[in-house]
N, C-alpha and C. Protein backbone atom coordinates (compact mmCIF):
# COMPACT_ATOMS: atom_id res chain seq x y z
N MET A 1 124.85 19.75 108.90
CA MET A 1 124.24 18.90 107.90
C MET A 1 124.28 19.63 106.56
N ASN A 2 124.61 18.90 105.52
CA ASN A 2 124.65 19.48 104.19
C ASN A 2 123.28 19.39 103.54
N ALA A 3 122.77 20.51 103.11
CA ALA A 3 121.48 20.52 102.42
C ALA A 3 121.74 20.30 100.94
N TYR A 4 120.91 19.50 100.33
CA TYR A 4 121.03 19.23 98.90
C TYR A 4 120.37 20.36 98.13
N ASN A 5 121.10 20.90 97.17
CA ASN A 5 120.60 22.00 96.35
C ASN A 5 120.46 21.50 94.90
N PRO A 6 119.21 21.23 94.46
CA PRO A 6 119.04 20.68 93.12
C PRO A 6 119.51 21.63 92.01
N LEU A 7 119.37 22.93 92.22
CA LEU A 7 119.81 23.89 91.20
C LEU A 7 121.33 23.83 91.03
N SER A 8 122.02 23.80 92.16
CA SER A 8 123.48 23.69 92.11
C SER A 8 123.90 22.37 91.47
N ALA A 9 123.19 21.29 91.81
CA ALA A 9 123.51 19.99 91.22
C ALA A 9 123.27 20.01 89.71
N THR A 10 122.21 20.66 89.30
CA THR A 10 121.92 20.77 87.86
C THR A 10 123.06 21.47 87.14
N HIS A 11 123.54 22.56 87.71
CA HIS A 11 124.65 23.30 87.09
C HIS A 11 125.91 22.44 87.03
N ARG A 12 126.20 21.68 88.09
CA ARG A 12 127.39 20.82 88.08
C ARG A 12 127.25 19.70 87.04
N LEU A 13 126.06 19.14 86.93
CA LEU A 13 125.84 18.09 85.93
C LEU A 13 125.96 18.64 84.51
N GLU A 14 125.47 19.85 84.30
CA GLU A 14 125.62 20.49 82.98
C GLU A 14 127.09 20.74 82.67
N ALA A 15 127.83 21.18 83.69
CA ALA A 15 129.26 21.44 83.49
C ALA A 15 130.01 20.15 83.18
N ALA A 16 129.48 19.03 83.65
CA ALA A 16 130.12 17.74 83.38
C ALA A 16 129.76 17.18 82.01
N GLY A 17 128.86 17.87 81.28
CA GLY A 17 128.58 17.46 79.92
C GLY A 17 127.16 16.99 79.65
N LEU A 18 126.31 16.93 80.65
CA LEU A 18 124.92 16.53 80.39
C LEU A 18 124.12 17.72 79.87
N ASP A 19 123.10 17.41 79.06
CA ASP A 19 122.26 18.52 78.63
C ASP A 19 121.31 18.92 79.78
N ARG A 20 120.66 20.06 79.62
CA ARG A 20 119.85 20.66 80.70
C ARG A 20 118.75 19.71 81.19
N LYS A 21 118.02 19.07 80.28
CA LYS A 21 116.92 18.19 80.67
C LYS A 21 117.42 16.99 81.48
N GLN A 22 118.52 16.39 81.05
CA GLN A 22 119.07 15.25 81.79
C GLN A 22 119.53 15.69 83.18
N ALA A 23 120.21 16.81 83.23
CA ALA A 23 120.71 17.31 84.51
C ALA A 23 119.56 17.61 85.47
N GLU A 24 118.50 18.23 84.96
CA GLU A 24 117.34 18.54 85.80
C GLU A 24 116.65 17.27 86.28
N ALA A 25 116.54 16.28 85.40
CA ALA A 25 115.89 15.02 85.77
C ALA A 25 116.67 14.30 86.86
N ILE A 26 117.98 14.25 86.72
CA ILE A 26 118.81 13.57 87.72
C ILE A 26 118.73 14.32 89.06
N ALA A 27 118.86 15.63 89.01
CA ALA A 27 118.81 16.43 90.24
C ALA A 27 117.45 16.30 90.92
N SER A 28 116.39 16.25 90.13
CA SER A 28 115.05 16.10 90.67
C SER A 28 114.87 14.74 91.33
N GLU A 29 115.36 13.69 90.71
CA GLU A 29 115.25 12.34 91.28
C GLU A 29 116.01 12.24 92.61
N ILE A 30 117.19 12.82 92.63
CA ILE A 30 117.96 12.80 93.88
C ILE A 30 117.22 13.56 94.97
N SER A 31 116.68 14.71 94.62
CA SER A 31 115.95 15.53 95.59
C SER A 31 114.73 14.78 96.12
N ASP A 32 113.98 14.12 95.24
CA ASP A 32 112.80 13.37 95.65
C ASP A 32 113.16 12.18 96.53
N SER A 33 114.26 11.51 96.21
CA SER A 33 114.63 10.32 96.98
C SER A 33 115.13 10.68 98.37
N LYS A 34 115.67 11.87 98.56
CA LYS A 34 116.18 12.26 99.87
C LYS A 34 115.05 12.47 100.89
N SER A 35 113.82 12.67 100.43
CA SER A 35 112.72 12.90 101.36
C SER A 35 112.36 11.63 102.13
N ASP A 36 112.78 10.47 101.63
CA ASP A 36 112.47 9.20 102.29
C ASP A 36 113.55 8.77 103.28
N LEU A 37 114.60 9.53 103.41
CA LEU A 37 115.67 9.15 104.31
C LEU A 37 115.28 9.41 105.76
N VAL A 38 115.83 8.62 106.65
CA VAL A 38 115.56 8.75 108.08
C VAL A 38 116.71 9.51 108.73
N THR A 39 116.37 10.48 109.56
CA THR A 39 117.41 11.21 110.28
C THR A 39 117.84 10.43 111.51
N LYS A 40 119.02 10.74 111.98
CA LYS A 40 119.53 10.08 113.18
C LYS A 40 118.64 10.39 114.39
N ASP A 41 118.17 11.62 114.51
CA ASP A 41 117.31 11.99 115.63
C ASP A 41 115.99 11.23 115.60
N TYR A 42 115.38 11.11 114.42
CA TYR A 42 114.12 10.37 114.29
C TYR A 42 114.33 8.90 114.67
N LEU A 43 115.41 8.32 114.17
CA LEU A 43 115.70 6.92 114.48
C LEU A 43 115.92 6.72 115.97
N LYS A 44 116.64 7.64 116.59
CA LYS A 44 116.88 7.55 118.04
C LYS A 44 115.56 7.64 118.81
N GLU A 45 114.68 8.55 118.43
CA GLU A 45 113.37 8.68 119.10
C GLU A 45 112.57 7.39 118.99
N GLN A 46 112.56 6.80 117.78
CA GLN A 46 111.79 5.57 117.58
C GLN A 46 112.38 4.41 118.36
N LEU A 47 113.70 4.30 118.37
CA LEU A 47 114.34 3.23 119.12
C LEU A 47 114.13 3.40 120.62
N ASP A 48 114.19 4.64 121.11
CA ASP A 48 113.93 4.90 122.53
C ASP A 48 112.51 4.50 122.91
N ALA A 49 111.54 4.81 122.05
CA ALA A 49 110.15 4.47 122.32
C ALA A 49 109.97 2.95 122.35
N GLU A 50 110.58 2.26 121.41
CA GLU A 50 110.48 0.79 121.39
C GLU A 50 111.18 0.18 122.59
N PHE A 51 112.31 0.73 122.98
CA PHE A 51 113.03 0.22 124.15
C PHE A 51 112.20 0.41 125.41
N SER A 52 111.50 1.54 125.51
CA SER A 52 110.64 1.78 126.67
C SER A 52 109.52 0.75 126.73
N LYS A 53 108.89 0.47 125.58
CA LYS A 53 107.84 -0.55 125.54
C LYS A 53 108.39 -1.91 125.93
N PHE A 54 109.57 -2.23 125.43
CA PHE A 54 110.20 -3.51 125.75
C PHE A 54 110.49 -3.61 127.23
N THR A 55 110.97 -2.53 127.83
CA THR A 55 111.29 -2.52 129.25
C THR A 55 110.03 -2.77 130.09
N VAL A 56 108.92 -2.14 129.71
CA VAL A 56 107.66 -2.34 130.44
C VAL A 56 107.20 -3.79 130.31
N ARG A 57 107.28 -4.34 129.11
CA ARG A 57 106.87 -5.73 128.90
C ARG A 57 107.76 -6.70 129.68
N LEU A 58 109.05 -6.43 129.66
CA LEU A 58 109.98 -7.29 130.40
C LEU A 58 109.71 -7.22 131.89
N GLY A 59 109.42 -6.02 132.40
CA GLY A 59 109.09 -5.86 133.81
C GLY A 59 107.83 -6.64 134.18
N GLY A 60 106.83 -6.59 133.32
CA GLY A 60 105.60 -7.35 133.55
C GLY A 60 105.86 -8.85 133.54
N LEU A 61 106.68 -9.30 132.62
CA LEU A 61 107.02 -10.72 132.53
C LEU A 61 107.75 -11.17 133.79
N ILE A 62 108.70 -10.39 134.25
CA ILE A 62 109.45 -10.75 135.46
C ILE A 62 108.52 -10.75 136.67
N ALA A 63 107.64 -9.75 136.78
CA ALA A 63 106.69 -9.73 137.89
C ALA A 63 105.80 -10.97 137.87
N GLY A 64 105.34 -11.37 136.70
CA GLY A 64 104.53 -12.58 136.58
C GLY A 64 105.29 -13.83 136.98
N MET A 65 106.53 -13.90 136.57
CA MET A 65 107.36 -15.06 136.93
C MET A 65 107.59 -15.12 138.43
N VAL A 66 107.83 -13.98 139.05
CA VAL A 66 108.02 -13.94 140.50
C VAL A 66 106.74 -14.38 141.21
N ALA A 67 105.59 -13.91 140.71
CA ALA A 67 104.31 -14.29 141.32
C ALA A 67 104.10 -15.79 141.22
N VAL A 68 104.39 -16.37 140.08
CA VAL A 68 104.23 -17.82 139.92
C VAL A 68 105.24 -18.56 140.79
N ALA A 69 106.46 -18.07 140.83
CA ALA A 69 107.51 -18.73 141.62
C ALA A 69 107.20 -18.71 143.11
N THR A 70 106.49 -17.71 143.57
CA THR A 70 106.14 -17.68 145.00
C THR A 70 104.81 -18.38 145.26
N ALA A 71 103.93 -18.43 144.30
CA ALA A 71 102.62 -19.07 144.49
C ALA A 71 102.71 -20.58 144.45
N VAL A 72 103.54 -21.13 143.58
CA VAL A 72 103.62 -22.58 143.44
C VAL A 72 104.11 -23.24 144.73
N PRO A 73 105.20 -22.78 145.33
CA PRO A 73 105.60 -23.42 146.59
C PRO A 73 104.53 -23.26 147.69
N GLY A 74 103.90 -22.12 147.74
CA GLY A 74 102.83 -21.93 148.73
C GLY A 74 101.69 -22.89 148.49
N LEU A 75 101.33 -23.12 147.27
CA LEU A 75 100.26 -24.06 146.91
C LEU A 75 100.67 -25.49 147.28
N LEU A 76 101.91 -25.84 146.99
CA LEU A 76 102.38 -27.18 147.33
C LEU A 76 102.42 -27.40 148.85
N ILE A 77 102.80 -26.38 149.59
CA ILE A 77 102.83 -26.50 151.06
C ILE A 77 101.43 -26.66 151.60
N SER A 78 100.47 -25.92 151.04
CA SER A 78 99.10 -25.97 151.54
C SER A 78 98.42 -27.31 151.20
N ILE A 79 98.88 -28.01 150.17
CA ILE A 79 98.30 -29.29 149.79
C ILE A 79 98.71 -30.37 150.78
N LYS A 80 99.91 -30.31 151.33
CA LYS A 80 100.41 -31.33 152.26
C LYS A 80 99.66 -31.28 153.52
C-alpha cells in the first residue's frame, strides 16, 4: 500500500509552480480526505458480519416456514 506523504506532495506541487501556501493547503486537504476512506479489509469485515446476520435471519425464516407448512396440514387433518 502506498502511504501518502504530504511533505513530499508539497514539494512536488511547488516544483510544478504553486507557491508554498497553496501547495501546503492542497497537500493538507488531500491528507485530511484520505482519513475517510474505507480499506478493503474493513469493508470485508463489515460485509462478512452483515452476511452472517442475514444467514441467521434467513435460517429463522425457513424454520418458521417449515413449522407452518407442517402444522397446517396437521391442523386440517385433525379438523376432519
